[in-house]
N, C-alpha and C. Protein backbone atom coordinates (compact mmCIF):
# COMPACT_ATOMS: atom_id res chain seq x y z
N PRO A 1 93.72 72.31 77.39
CA PRO A 1 93.13 73.17 76.35
C PRO A 1 91.62 72.98 76.26
N LEU A 2 90.93 74.06 75.89
CA LEU A 2 89.48 73.97 75.76
C LEU A 2 89.10 73.10 74.57
N ARG A 3 88.03 72.35 74.74
CA ARG A 3 87.55 71.50 73.66
C ARG A 3 86.92 72.37 72.57
N THR A 4 87.19 72.03 71.33
CA THR A 4 86.57 72.74 70.21
C THR A 4 85.40 71.92 69.67
N PHE A 5 84.46 72.62 69.09
CA PHE A 5 83.28 71.94 68.54
C PHE A 5 82.71 72.78 67.41
N SER A 6 81.76 72.21 66.71
CA SER A 6 81.12 72.90 65.59
C SER A 6 79.68 73.25 65.93
N ILE A 7 79.21 74.32 65.31
CA ILE A 7 77.80 74.67 65.38
C ILE A 7 77.32 74.93 63.95
N GLN A 8 76.03 75.11 63.81
CA GLN A 8 75.47 75.51 62.53
C GLN A 8 74.96 76.94 62.63
N LEU A 9 74.98 77.62 61.50
CA LEU A 9 74.44 78.97 61.44
C LEU A 9 73.49 79.07 60.27
N CYS A 10 72.31 79.59 60.52
CA CYS A 10 71.32 79.81 59.46
C CYS A 10 71.22 81.31 59.18
N LEU A 11 71.48 81.69 57.94
CA LEU A 11 71.29 83.07 57.52
C LEU A 11 69.83 83.22 57.10
N VAL A 12 69.07 83.90 57.92
CA VAL A 12 67.61 83.92 57.77
C VAL A 12 67.18 84.49 56.42
N GLU A 13 67.84 85.55 55.96
CA GLU A 13 67.41 86.21 54.72
C GLU A 13 67.52 85.32 53.49
N THR A 14 68.40 84.33 53.54
CA THR A 14 68.61 83.47 52.36
C THR A 14 68.32 82.00 52.63
N ALA A 15 68.10 81.65 53.89
CA ALA A 15 67.87 80.27 54.33
C ALA A 15 69.11 79.39 54.12
N GLU A 16 70.27 79.99 53.92
CA GLU A 16 71.51 79.23 53.79
C GLU A 16 71.96 78.72 55.16
N ILE A 17 72.57 77.54 55.15
CA ILE A 17 73.11 76.94 56.37
C ILE A 17 74.63 76.86 56.24
N PHE A 18 75.34 77.35 57.24
CA PHE A 18 76.80 77.30 57.26
C PHE A 18 77.25 76.48 58.46
N SER A 19 78.30 75.69 58.27
CA SER A 19 78.92 74.98 59.38
C SER A 19 80.05 75.83 59.93
N VAL A 20 80.06 76.01 61.24
CA VAL A 20 81.06 76.86 61.89
C VAL A 20 81.92 75.99 62.80
N PRO A 21 83.13 75.63 62.37
CA PRO A 21 83.99 74.77 63.19
C PRO A 21 84.82 75.58 64.18
N GLN A 22 85.59 74.86 64.98
CA GLN A 22 86.58 75.47 65.88
C GLN A 22 85.98 76.46 66.87
N CYS A 23 84.78 76.15 67.37
CA CYS A 23 84.17 76.99 68.40
C CYS A 23 84.62 76.51 69.78
N GLN A 24 84.63 77.44 70.73
CA GLN A 24 84.99 77.12 72.10
C GLN A 24 84.08 77.87 73.05
N ASN A 25 83.97 77.38 74.27
CA ASN A 25 83.08 78.02 75.24
C ASN A 25 83.47 79.45 75.56
N ASP A 26 84.77 79.77 75.45
CA ASP A 26 85.20 81.13 75.78
C ASP A 26 85.24 82.05 74.56
N LEU A 27 84.76 81.57 73.41
CA LEU A 27 84.74 82.39 72.20
C LEU A 27 83.68 83.49 72.34
N THR A 28 84.09 84.73 72.12
CA THR A 28 83.13 85.83 72.19
C THR A 28 82.36 85.94 70.88
N LEU A 29 81.17 86.50 70.97
CA LEU A 29 80.37 86.70 69.77
C LEU A 29 81.03 87.71 68.83
N LYS A 30 81.75 88.66 69.40
CA LYS A 30 82.47 89.63 68.56
C LYS A 30 83.52 88.94 67.71
N LYS A 31 84.27 88.03 68.32
CA LYS A 31 85.29 87.29 67.58
C LYS A 31 84.63 86.37 66.55
N LEU A 32 83.52 85.76 66.94
CA LEU A 32 82.79 84.91 66.00
C LEU A 32 82.34 85.72 64.79
N LYS A 33 81.82 86.91 65.02
CA LYS A 33 81.34 87.75 63.92
C LYS A 33 82.46 88.08 62.94
N SER A 34 83.65 88.28 63.45
CA SER A 34 84.79 88.55 62.58
C SER A 34 85.01 87.37 61.62
N HIS A 35 84.95 86.17 62.17
CA HIS A 35 85.10 84.97 61.34
C HIS A 35 83.92 84.83 60.37
N LEU A 36 82.73 85.13 60.86
CA LEU A 36 81.54 84.97 60.03
C LEU A 36 81.51 85.95 58.87
N GLU A 37 82.17 87.09 59.02
CA GLU A 37 82.22 88.04 57.91
C GLU A 37 82.82 87.37 56.67
N LEU A 38 83.83 86.54 56.88
CA LEU A 38 84.44 85.82 55.76
C LEU A 38 83.67 84.54 55.42
N LEU A 39 83.17 83.86 56.42
CA LEU A 39 82.47 82.59 56.17
C LEU A 39 81.14 82.79 55.46
N THR A 40 80.41 83.84 55.85
CA THR A 40 79.07 84.06 55.28
C THR A 40 79.02 85.19 54.26
N GLY A 41 80.04 86.05 54.26
CA GLY A 41 80.02 87.19 53.35
C GLY A 41 79.16 88.35 53.82
N ILE A 42 78.71 88.29 55.05
CA ILE A 42 77.88 89.37 55.60
C ILE A 42 78.77 90.27 56.47
N PRO A 43 78.91 91.54 56.09
CA PRO A 43 79.77 92.43 56.87
C PRO A 43 79.39 92.47 58.35
N PHE A 44 80.40 92.64 59.16
CA PHE A 44 80.28 92.59 60.63
C PHE A 44 79.10 93.40 61.16
N HIS A 45 78.96 94.64 60.67
CA HIS A 45 77.98 95.55 61.28
C HIS A 45 76.54 95.22 60.89
N PHE A 46 76.34 94.28 59.97
CA PHE A 46 74.97 93.87 59.62
C PHE A 46 74.53 92.62 60.37
N GLN A 47 75.45 91.99 61.06
CA GLN A 47 75.15 90.69 61.68
C GLN A 47 74.41 90.86 63.00
N ARG A 48 73.27 90.21 63.07
CA ARG A 48 72.52 90.10 64.33
C ARG A 48 72.40 88.62 64.64
N LEU A 49 73.07 88.17 65.68
CA LEU A 49 73.10 86.75 66.01
C LEU A 49 72.09 86.44 67.12
N GLN A 50 71.37 85.35 66.94
CA GLN A 50 70.34 84.95 67.90
C GLN A 50 70.44 83.45 68.16
N TYR A 51 70.03 83.07 69.36
CA TYR A 51 70.08 81.65 69.74
C TYR A 51 68.89 81.35 70.64
N LEU A 52 68.08 80.44 70.22
CA LEU A 52 66.90 79.96 70.95
C LEU A 52 65.73 80.94 70.94
N ASP A 53 66.01 82.25 71.01
CA ASP A 53 64.91 83.21 70.96
C ASP A 53 65.27 84.34 70.02
N GLU A 54 64.49 85.40 70.02
CA GLU A 54 64.68 86.50 69.06
C GLU A 54 65.60 87.60 69.58
N ALA A 55 66.16 87.42 70.76
CA ALA A 55 67.03 88.45 71.34
C ALA A 55 68.41 88.41 70.68
N ASP A 56 68.96 89.58 70.36
CA ASP A 56 70.30 89.65 69.78
C ASP A 56 71.34 89.35 70.86
N LEU A 57 72.32 88.52 70.52
CA LEU A 57 73.36 88.16 71.47
C LEU A 57 74.38 89.29 71.58
N PRO A 58 74.75 89.69 72.79
CA PRO A 58 75.73 90.78 72.97
C PRO A 58 77.10 90.41 72.43
N ASP A 59 77.77 91.36 71.80
CA ASP A 59 79.07 91.10 71.19
C ASP A 59 80.10 90.60 72.20
N GLU A 60 80.09 91.13 73.40
CA GLU A 60 81.12 90.78 74.37
C GLU A 60 80.82 89.50 75.14
N SER A 61 79.65 88.91 74.93
CA SER A 61 79.31 87.67 75.62
C SER A 61 79.98 86.48 74.93
N THR A 62 80.08 85.37 75.65
CA THR A 62 80.74 84.18 75.13
C THR A 62 79.72 83.08 74.83
N PHE A 63 80.21 82.02 74.20
CA PHE A 63 79.36 80.85 73.98
C PHE A 63 78.82 80.33 75.31
N LYS A 64 79.69 80.29 76.30
CA LYS A 64 79.27 79.78 77.61
C LYS A 64 78.20 80.67 78.22
N ASP A 65 78.37 81.98 78.11
CA ASP A 65 77.37 82.92 78.65
C ASP A 65 75.99 82.66 78.07
N ASN A 66 75.97 82.26 76.79
CA ASN A 66 74.69 82.08 76.09
C ASN A 66 74.24 80.62 76.01
N ASP A 67 74.99 79.74 76.71
CA ASP A 67 74.64 78.31 76.74
C ASP A 67 74.56 77.70 75.34
N ILE A 68 75.46 78.15 74.44
CA ILE A 68 75.49 77.59 73.09
C ILE A 68 76.23 76.25 73.14
N VAL A 69 75.57 75.21 72.71
CA VAL A 69 76.10 73.85 72.88
C VAL A 69 76.65 73.32 71.55
N PRO A 70 77.54 72.32 71.61
CA PRO A 70 78.03 71.69 70.38
C PRO A 70 76.86 71.21 69.51
N GLY A 71 76.95 71.51 68.22
CA GLY A 71 75.88 71.12 67.31
C GLY A 71 74.68 72.04 67.31
N GLY A 72 74.72 73.06 68.17
CA GLY A 72 73.60 74.00 68.23
C GLY A 72 73.50 74.83 66.96
N ARG A 73 72.37 75.49 66.79
CA ARG A 73 72.16 76.32 65.61
C ARG A 73 71.90 77.77 66.02
N ILE A 74 72.74 78.65 65.51
CA ILE A 74 72.57 80.09 65.70
C ILE A 74 71.88 80.64 64.46
N LYS A 75 71.06 81.63 64.65
CA LYS A 75 70.46 82.35 63.51
C LYS A 75 71.18 83.67 63.32
N MET A 76 71.44 84.00 62.07
CA MET A 76 71.93 85.33 61.74
C MET A 76 70.85 86.07 60.96
N ARG A 77 70.48 87.21 61.46
CA ARG A 77 69.61 88.11 60.72
C ARG A 77 70.41 89.36 60.37
N THR A 78 70.05 90.00 59.28
CA THR A 78 70.69 91.27 58.94
C THR A 78 69.71 92.39 59.25
N TRP A 79 70.25 93.60 59.29
CA TRP A 79 69.39 94.75 59.56
C TRP A 79 68.41 94.93 58.40
N ARG A 80 67.13 94.89 58.69
CA ARG A 80 66.13 94.91 57.63
C ARG A 80 65.68 96.32 57.26
N HIS A 81 65.94 97.29 58.13
CA HIS A 81 65.52 98.65 57.81
C HIS A 81 66.21 99.12 56.54
N ASP A 82 65.60 100.03 55.85
CA ASP A 82 66.17 100.63 54.64
C ASP A 82 66.36 99.62 53.51
N GLY A 83 65.60 98.54 53.55
CA GLY A 83 65.65 97.57 52.46
C GLY A 83 66.87 96.69 52.42
N TRP A 84 67.64 96.64 53.50
CA TRP A 84 68.88 95.87 53.49
C TRP A 84 68.64 94.37 53.34
N GLY A 85 67.57 93.87 53.94
CA GLY A 85 67.29 92.43 53.83
C GLY A 85 67.11 92.00 52.39
N HIS A 86 66.38 92.80 51.62
CA HIS A 86 66.16 92.49 50.20
C HIS A 86 67.47 92.56 49.43
N LEU A 87 68.30 93.54 49.76
CA LEU A 87 69.58 93.69 49.06
C LEU A 87 70.49 92.49 49.34
N VAL A 88 70.56 92.08 50.60
CA VAL A 88 71.39 90.93 50.96
C VAL A 88 70.94 89.69 50.20
N ALA A 89 69.63 89.45 50.17
CA ALA A 89 69.11 88.27 49.48
C ALA A 89 69.41 88.31 47.99
N ALA A 90 69.21 89.47 47.37
CA ALA A 90 69.45 89.59 45.92
C ALA A 90 70.93 89.40 45.58
N ALA A 91 71.81 89.98 46.40
CA ALA A 91 73.25 89.84 46.15
C ALA A 91 73.69 88.39 46.34
N ALA A 92 73.15 87.73 47.37
CA ALA A 92 73.51 86.33 47.63
C ALA A 92 73.04 85.42 46.50
N GLU A 93 71.93 85.78 45.88
CA GLU A 93 71.40 84.99 44.76
C GLU A 93 72.07 85.36 43.44
N GLY A 94 72.79 86.47 43.42
CA GLY A 94 73.36 86.94 42.16
C GLY A 94 72.29 87.45 41.22
N ASP A 95 71.23 88.01 41.79
CA ASP A 95 70.10 88.49 40.99
C ASP A 95 70.34 89.96 40.62
N THR A 96 71.00 90.16 39.50
CA THR A 96 71.38 91.50 39.08
C THR A 96 70.15 92.37 38.81
N ASP A 97 69.12 91.79 38.24
CA ASP A 97 67.91 92.56 37.93
C ASP A 97 67.29 93.13 39.21
N LYS A 98 67.23 92.32 40.25
CA LYS A 98 66.69 92.81 41.52
C LYS A 98 67.58 93.89 42.11
N LEU A 99 68.88 93.64 42.09
CA LEU A 99 69.81 94.62 42.66
C LEU A 99 69.70 95.97 41.97
N ALA A 100 69.46 95.94 40.67
CA ALA A 100 69.38 97.18 39.90
C ALA A 100 68.25 98.08 40.37
N HIS A 101 67.31 97.51 41.12
CA HIS A 101 66.18 98.29 41.63
C HIS A 101 66.25 98.47 43.15
N LEU A 102 67.45 98.27 43.70
CA LEU A 102 67.59 98.35 45.16
C LEU A 102 68.61 99.39 45.59
N GLY A 103 68.83 100.38 44.74
CA GLY A 103 69.66 101.51 45.15
C GLY A 103 71.15 101.27 45.15
N VAL A 104 71.65 100.45 44.21
CA VAL A 104 73.09 100.19 44.17
C VAL A 104 73.80 100.97 43.07
N THR A 105 73.04 101.73 42.29
CA THR A 105 73.64 102.59 41.27
C THR A 105 73.03 103.98 41.38
N GLU A 106 73.77 104.98 40.94
CA GLU A 106 73.29 106.36 41.10
C GLU A 106 72.05 106.66 40.28
N ASP A 107 71.87 105.91 39.19
CA ASP A 107 70.68 106.14 38.38
C ASP A 107 69.60 105.09 38.66
N SER A 108 69.77 104.37 39.76
CA SER A 108 68.81 103.32 40.11
C SER A 108 67.46 103.92 40.47
N ALA A 109 66.42 103.20 40.08
CA ALA A 109 65.07 103.62 40.45
C ALA A 109 64.77 103.28 41.90
N GLY A 110 65.58 102.43 42.48
CA GLY A 110 65.32 101.97 43.84
C GLY A 110 65.56 103.05 44.87
N THR A 111 64.67 103.11 45.84
CA THR A 111 64.83 104.05 46.93
C THR A 111 64.08 103.50 48.14
N THR A 112 64.23 104.16 49.26
CA THR A 112 63.53 103.78 50.48
C THR A 112 63.03 105.06 51.14
N PRO A 113 62.11 104.94 52.10
CA PRO A 113 61.65 106.15 52.80
C PRO A 113 62.80 106.94 53.41
N ASN A 114 63.80 106.24 53.93
CA ASN A 114 64.96 106.92 54.51
C ASN A 114 65.74 107.68 53.44
N ALA A 115 65.93 107.03 52.29
CA ALA A 115 66.70 107.66 51.21
C ALA A 115 66.03 108.91 50.68
N GLU A 116 64.71 108.95 50.75
CA GLU A 116 63.97 110.12 50.27
C GLU A 116 64.30 111.38 51.07
N LEU A 117 64.79 111.19 52.29
CA LEU A 117 65.09 112.32 53.16
C LEU A 117 66.52 112.84 53.01
N LEU A 118 67.31 112.15 52.20
CA LEU A 118 68.73 112.49 52.09
C LEU A 118 68.97 113.59 51.05
N GLY A 119 69.98 114.41 51.33
CA GLY A 119 70.43 115.38 50.35
C GLY A 119 71.28 114.70 49.29
N PRO A 120 71.68 115.43 48.25
CA PRO A 120 72.42 114.83 47.13
C PRO A 120 73.71 114.11 47.54
N GLU A 121 74.51 114.74 48.40
CA GLU A 121 75.77 114.11 48.81
C GLU A 121 75.52 112.90 49.71
N GLN A 122 74.54 113.03 50.60
CA GLN A 122 74.19 111.89 51.46
C GLN A 122 73.65 110.74 50.63
N LYS A 123 72.87 111.06 49.62
CA LYS A 123 72.31 110.01 48.75
C LYS A 123 73.44 109.30 47.99
N LYS A 124 74.44 110.06 47.60
CA LYS A 124 75.59 109.46 46.91
C LYS A 124 76.30 108.47 47.82
N ASP A 125 76.50 108.85 49.09
CA ASP A 125 77.13 107.95 50.06
C ASP A 125 76.26 106.73 50.32
N TRP A 126 74.95 106.94 50.36
CA TRP A 126 73.98 105.85 50.59
C TRP A 126 74.11 104.81 49.48
N VAL A 127 74.15 105.28 48.24
CA VAL A 127 74.29 104.37 47.10
C VAL A 127 75.64 103.65 47.14
N ALA A 128 76.70 104.38 47.45
CA ALA A 128 78.04 103.78 47.48
C ALA A 128 78.13 102.67 48.52
N HIS A 129 77.53 102.90 49.67
CA HIS A 129 77.56 101.88 50.73
C HIS A 129 76.80 100.64 50.29
N ARG A 130 75.64 100.83 49.70
CA ARG A 130 74.83 99.69 49.25
C ARG A 130 75.55 98.92 48.14
N ALA A 131 76.18 99.66 47.24
CA ALA A 131 76.89 99.01 46.14
C ALA A 131 78.05 98.16 46.66
N PHE A 132 78.77 98.69 47.65
CA PHE A 132 79.89 97.93 48.21
C PHE A 132 79.40 96.66 48.91
N VAL A 133 78.37 96.78 49.72
CA VAL A 133 77.86 95.60 50.43
C VAL A 133 77.38 94.55 49.42
N ALA A 134 76.70 94.99 48.38
CA ALA A 134 76.25 94.06 47.35
C ALA A 134 77.44 93.39 46.67
N LEU A 135 78.49 94.17 46.39
CA LEU A 135 79.69 93.61 45.76
C LEU A 135 80.36 92.59 46.68
N PHE A 136 80.49 92.92 47.95
CA PHE A 136 81.13 92.04 48.92
C PHE A 136 80.42 90.69 48.98
N ILE A 137 79.09 90.73 49.03
CA ILE A 137 78.30 89.50 49.13
C ILE A 137 78.34 88.73 47.81
N ALA A 138 78.19 89.43 46.69
CA ALA A 138 78.20 88.76 45.39
C ALA A 138 79.55 88.08 45.13
N ILE A 139 80.63 88.77 45.47
CA ILE A 139 81.97 88.19 45.31
C ILE A 139 82.11 86.96 46.20
N HIS A 140 81.64 87.04 47.43
CA HIS A 140 81.70 85.90 48.34
C HIS A 140 81.03 84.67 47.74
N ARG A 141 79.89 84.88 47.08
CA ARG A 141 79.14 83.76 46.50
C ARG A 141 79.66 83.35 45.12
N GLY A 142 80.59 84.14 44.56
CA GLY A 142 81.15 83.81 43.26
C GLY A 142 80.30 84.24 42.08
N HIS A 143 79.43 85.23 42.29
CA HIS A 143 78.56 85.71 41.21
C HIS A 143 79.30 86.76 40.39
N ILE A 144 80.09 86.30 39.44
CA ILE A 144 81.00 87.21 38.74
C ILE A 144 80.26 88.20 37.84
N GLU A 145 79.16 87.79 37.22
CA GLU A 145 78.43 88.72 36.35
C GLU A 145 77.80 89.84 37.17
N THR A 146 77.29 89.50 38.34
CA THR A 146 76.75 90.53 39.23
C THR A 146 77.85 91.47 39.68
N ALA A 147 79.01 90.91 39.99
CA ALA A 147 80.15 91.73 40.40
C ALA A 147 80.56 92.69 39.28
N LYS A 148 80.58 92.19 38.05
CA LYS A 148 80.92 93.05 36.91
C LYS A 148 79.92 94.20 36.79
N PHE A 149 78.64 93.88 36.92
CA PHE A 149 77.60 94.90 36.84
C PHE A 149 77.82 95.99 37.89
N LEU A 150 78.13 95.57 39.10
CA LEU A 150 78.33 96.53 40.19
C LEU A 150 79.57 97.39 39.95
N LEU A 151 80.65 96.77 39.50
CA LEU A 151 81.88 97.52 39.24
C LEU A 151 81.68 98.52 38.10
N ILE A 152 81.05 98.08 37.04
CA ILE A 152 80.80 98.96 35.90
C ILE A 152 79.96 100.16 36.31
N ASN A 153 79.07 99.93 37.28
CA ASN A 153 78.17 100.99 37.72
C ASN A 153 78.69 101.74 38.94
N GLY A 154 79.98 101.59 39.23
CA GLY A 154 80.60 102.47 40.21
C GLY A 154 80.89 101.91 41.58
N ALA A 155 80.64 100.63 41.82
CA ALA A 155 80.96 100.06 43.14
C ALA A 155 82.45 100.21 43.41
N ASP A 156 82.78 100.60 44.64
CA ASP A 156 84.17 100.88 45.01
C ASP A 156 84.84 99.60 45.51
N LEU A 157 85.75 99.06 44.71
CA LEU A 157 86.41 97.81 45.10
C LEU A 157 87.42 98.03 46.22
N HIS A 158 87.74 99.30 46.52
CA HIS A 158 88.67 99.59 47.61
C HIS A 158 87.94 99.85 48.94
N ALA A 159 86.61 99.90 48.90
CA ALA A 159 85.84 100.12 50.13
C ALA A 159 86.05 98.95 51.08
N LYS A 160 85.85 99.22 52.38
CA LYS A 160 86.14 98.21 53.40
C LYS A 160 84.97 98.05 54.37
N THR A 161 84.88 96.86 54.92
CA THR A 161 83.95 96.62 56.02
C THR A 161 84.51 97.28 57.29
N PRO A 162 83.75 97.30 58.38
CA PRO A 162 84.29 97.85 59.63
C PRO A 162 85.53 97.12 60.13
N LEU A 163 85.78 95.92 59.62
CA LEU A 163 86.97 95.16 60.00
C LEU A 163 88.11 95.34 59.00
N GLY A 164 87.94 96.29 58.09
CA GLY A 164 89.02 96.61 57.16
C GLY A 164 89.15 95.67 55.98
N ARG A 165 88.09 94.94 55.68
CA ARG A 165 88.17 93.95 54.60
C ARG A 165 87.52 94.46 53.32
N THR A 166 88.21 94.22 52.22
CA THR A 166 87.69 94.56 50.90
C THR A 166 87.05 93.32 50.27
N ALA A 167 86.46 93.52 49.11
CA ALA A 167 85.89 92.38 48.37
C ALA A 167 86.98 91.36 48.04
N LEU A 168 88.21 91.83 47.82
CA LEU A 168 89.30 90.91 47.50
C LEU A 168 89.62 90.00 48.68
N HIS A 169 89.53 90.52 49.89
CA HIS A 169 89.77 89.68 51.07
C HIS A 169 88.80 88.50 51.10
N VAL A 170 87.53 88.78 50.86
CA VAL A 170 86.55 87.69 50.96
C VAL A 170 86.66 86.75 49.76
N ALA A 171 87.02 87.28 48.60
CA ALA A 171 87.24 86.41 47.44
C ALA A 171 88.39 85.44 47.71
N ALA A 172 89.43 85.94 48.35
CA ALA A 172 90.60 85.11 48.66
C ALA A 172 90.24 84.00 49.64
N ALA A 173 89.51 84.36 50.70
CA ALA A 173 89.14 83.36 51.71
C ALA A 173 88.26 82.27 51.12
N MET A 174 87.39 82.65 50.19
CA MET A 174 86.46 81.69 49.59
C MET A 174 87.03 80.97 48.37
N GLY A 175 88.20 81.39 47.91
CA GLY A 175 88.80 80.73 46.75
C GLY A 175 88.07 81.02 45.45
N ARG A 176 87.54 82.22 45.32
CA ARG A 176 86.81 82.61 44.10
C ARG A 176 87.80 83.15 43.07
N CYS A 177 88.45 82.23 42.37
CA CYS A 177 89.56 82.62 41.49
C CYS A 177 89.13 83.57 40.38
N ASP A 178 87.98 83.30 39.75
CA ASP A 178 87.51 84.19 38.69
C ASP A 178 87.26 85.60 39.23
N CYS A 179 86.69 85.66 40.42
CA CYS A 179 86.41 86.97 41.02
C CYS A 179 87.70 87.67 41.42
N ILE A 180 88.68 86.91 41.89
CA ILE A 180 89.97 87.49 42.24
C ILE A 180 90.60 88.13 41.00
N GLU A 181 90.59 87.40 39.90
CA GLU A 181 91.18 87.94 38.67
C GLU A 181 90.42 89.17 38.19
N LEU A 182 89.10 89.14 38.33
CA LEU A 182 88.30 90.31 37.95
C LEU A 182 88.69 91.52 38.80
N LEU A 183 88.74 91.34 40.10
CA LEU A 183 89.07 92.46 41.00
C LEU A 183 90.48 92.98 40.75
N LEU A 184 91.42 92.07 40.54
CA LEU A 184 92.80 92.50 40.25
C LEU A 184 92.85 93.30 38.95
N SER A 185 92.06 92.89 37.97
CA SER A 185 92.06 93.60 36.68
C SER A 185 91.49 95.01 36.82
N TRP A 186 90.69 95.21 37.86
CA TRP A 186 90.12 96.54 38.14
C TRP A 186 90.99 97.35 39.10
N GLY A 187 92.10 96.77 39.53
CA GLY A 187 93.03 97.52 40.36
C GLY A 187 93.02 97.19 41.84
N ALA A 188 92.38 96.08 42.22
CA ALA A 188 92.39 95.68 43.63
C ALA A 188 93.82 95.37 44.08
N GLN A 189 94.08 95.58 45.36
CA GLN A 189 95.43 95.42 45.89
C GLN A 189 95.50 94.22 46.83
N ALA A 190 96.38 93.29 46.48
CA ALA A 190 96.46 92.02 47.20
C ALA A 190 97.18 92.11 48.54
N LEU A 191 97.93 93.18 48.75
CA LEU A 191 98.77 93.27 49.95
C LEU A 191 98.27 94.27 50.98
N VAL A 192 97.04 94.74 50.81
CA VAL A 192 96.45 95.66 51.79
C VAL A 192 95.93 94.85 52.97
N PRO A 193 96.39 95.13 54.20
CA PRO A 193 95.95 94.33 55.35
C PRO A 193 94.59 94.77 55.88
N ASP A 194 93.87 93.82 56.46
CA ASP A 194 92.65 94.17 57.19
C ASP A 194 93.04 94.58 58.61
N ASP A 195 92.06 94.79 59.47
CA ASP A 195 92.36 95.27 60.82
C ASP A 195 93.08 94.24 61.68
N GLU A 196 93.09 92.98 61.24
CA GLU A 196 93.81 91.94 61.96
C GLU A 196 95.18 91.67 61.33
N GLY A 197 95.54 92.51 60.35
CA GLY A 197 96.84 92.38 59.71
C GLY A 197 96.90 91.36 58.59
N GLU A 198 95.74 90.83 58.20
CA GLU A 198 95.71 89.81 57.15
C GLU A 198 95.48 90.45 55.78
N THR A 199 96.30 90.05 54.82
CA THR A 199 96.12 90.48 53.44
C THR A 199 95.30 89.43 52.70
N ALA A 200 94.92 89.74 51.48
CA ALA A 200 94.22 88.74 50.67
C ALA A 200 95.10 87.50 50.49
N VAL A 201 96.40 87.72 50.31
CA VAL A 201 97.33 86.60 50.14
C VAL A 201 97.35 85.72 51.39
N SER A 202 97.47 86.34 52.55
CA SER A 202 97.57 85.55 53.78
C SER A 202 96.24 84.87 54.11
N LEU A 203 95.11 85.51 53.77
CA LEU A 203 93.82 84.86 54.00
C LEU A 203 93.64 83.64 53.11
N ALA A 204 94.08 83.75 51.86
CA ALA A 204 94.01 82.59 50.97
C ALA A 204 94.80 81.43 51.56
N ARG A 205 95.95 81.74 52.13
CA ARG A 205 96.78 80.69 52.74
C ARG A 205 96.09 80.12 53.99
N LEU A 206 95.56 80.99 54.84
CA LEU A 206 94.91 80.55 56.07
C LEU A 206 93.69 79.68 55.81
N TRP A 207 92.97 80.01 54.74
CA TRP A 207 91.74 79.27 54.42
C TRP A 207 91.99 78.11 53.45
N GLY A 208 93.26 77.84 53.17
CA GLY A 208 93.60 76.67 52.36
C GLY A 208 93.26 76.81 50.89
N GLN A 209 93.27 78.04 50.39
CA GLN A 209 92.92 78.28 48.98
C GLN A 209 94.20 78.45 48.17
N LYS A 210 94.80 77.32 47.81
CA LYS A 210 96.12 77.33 47.17
C LYS A 210 96.10 78.05 45.82
N GLN A 211 95.10 77.76 45.00
CA GLN A 211 95.05 78.39 43.67
C GLN A 211 94.88 79.90 43.79
N SER A 212 94.03 80.31 44.72
CA SER A 212 93.84 81.75 44.95
C SER A 212 95.14 82.38 45.43
N GLN A 213 95.82 81.70 46.32
CA GLN A 213 97.09 82.22 46.84
C GLN A 213 98.10 82.40 45.71
N ASP A 214 98.14 81.44 44.80
CA ASP A 214 99.08 81.54 43.68
C ASP A 214 98.76 82.74 42.79
N ILE A 215 97.47 82.94 42.51
CA ILE A 215 97.07 84.07 41.66
C ILE A 215 97.43 85.39 42.34
N LEU A 216 97.12 85.48 43.61
CA LEU A 216 97.36 86.72 44.35
C LEU A 216 98.86 86.99 44.52
N SER A 217 99.63 85.94 44.69
CA SER A 217 101.07 86.11 44.89
C SER A 217 101.75 86.66 43.64
N ARG A 218 101.12 86.46 42.50
CA ARG A 218 101.68 86.98 41.25
C ARG A 218 101.31 88.44 41.02
N SER A 219 100.39 88.95 41.84
CA SER A 219 99.96 90.34 41.66
C SER A 219 101.06 91.29 42.10
N PRO A 220 101.33 92.33 41.32
CA PRO A 220 102.40 93.27 41.69
C PRO A 220 102.01 94.19 42.84
N ARG A 221 100.71 94.25 43.18
CA ARG A 221 100.25 95.17 44.22
C ARG A 221 99.98 94.44 45.52
């Protein structure tokens, strides 16, 4: 069997450091990104992974292809265009005041040059996407007051990442019990599978979150 090892990951926008265990030389960056979506709370399609230089690592390449060594440090950057970097940082910090000016509500003062070019329906979709990403990240970090603000202002708790994960999936993996109860009270569904067939209940079990698993198992949905 291939030897497993750990690496570190630095999320550049927030300067957070994450430990990434169970890595192998044949692990693809695409598979790693799937795991990182839950570990870091950054949706798959925003992740830009770099190692040693500023070049983005190809999704289909492996650790071996990129000479990533045990104990090495990968950098994750998010897409900065359209103000996403600021939104990611504010959501990770649970800074509701900042988020309120970054286009996460329909009456938000926040806009970007790109948003100025959008029609009414496109602008509505733009806001909805930003609100969901902010909710996903805030829930991951356990910022319940920020999550409440986003939900009250229309964030869609049923929205999904490209890997089919809702905010409840990431709350379950991280063991954010207060956030789980909040999402369930708003109608989140514990038995909806992601693209890998994992529900919030099964993710709580896989990530060793016993209390979260118990709460989710009692949910009728």
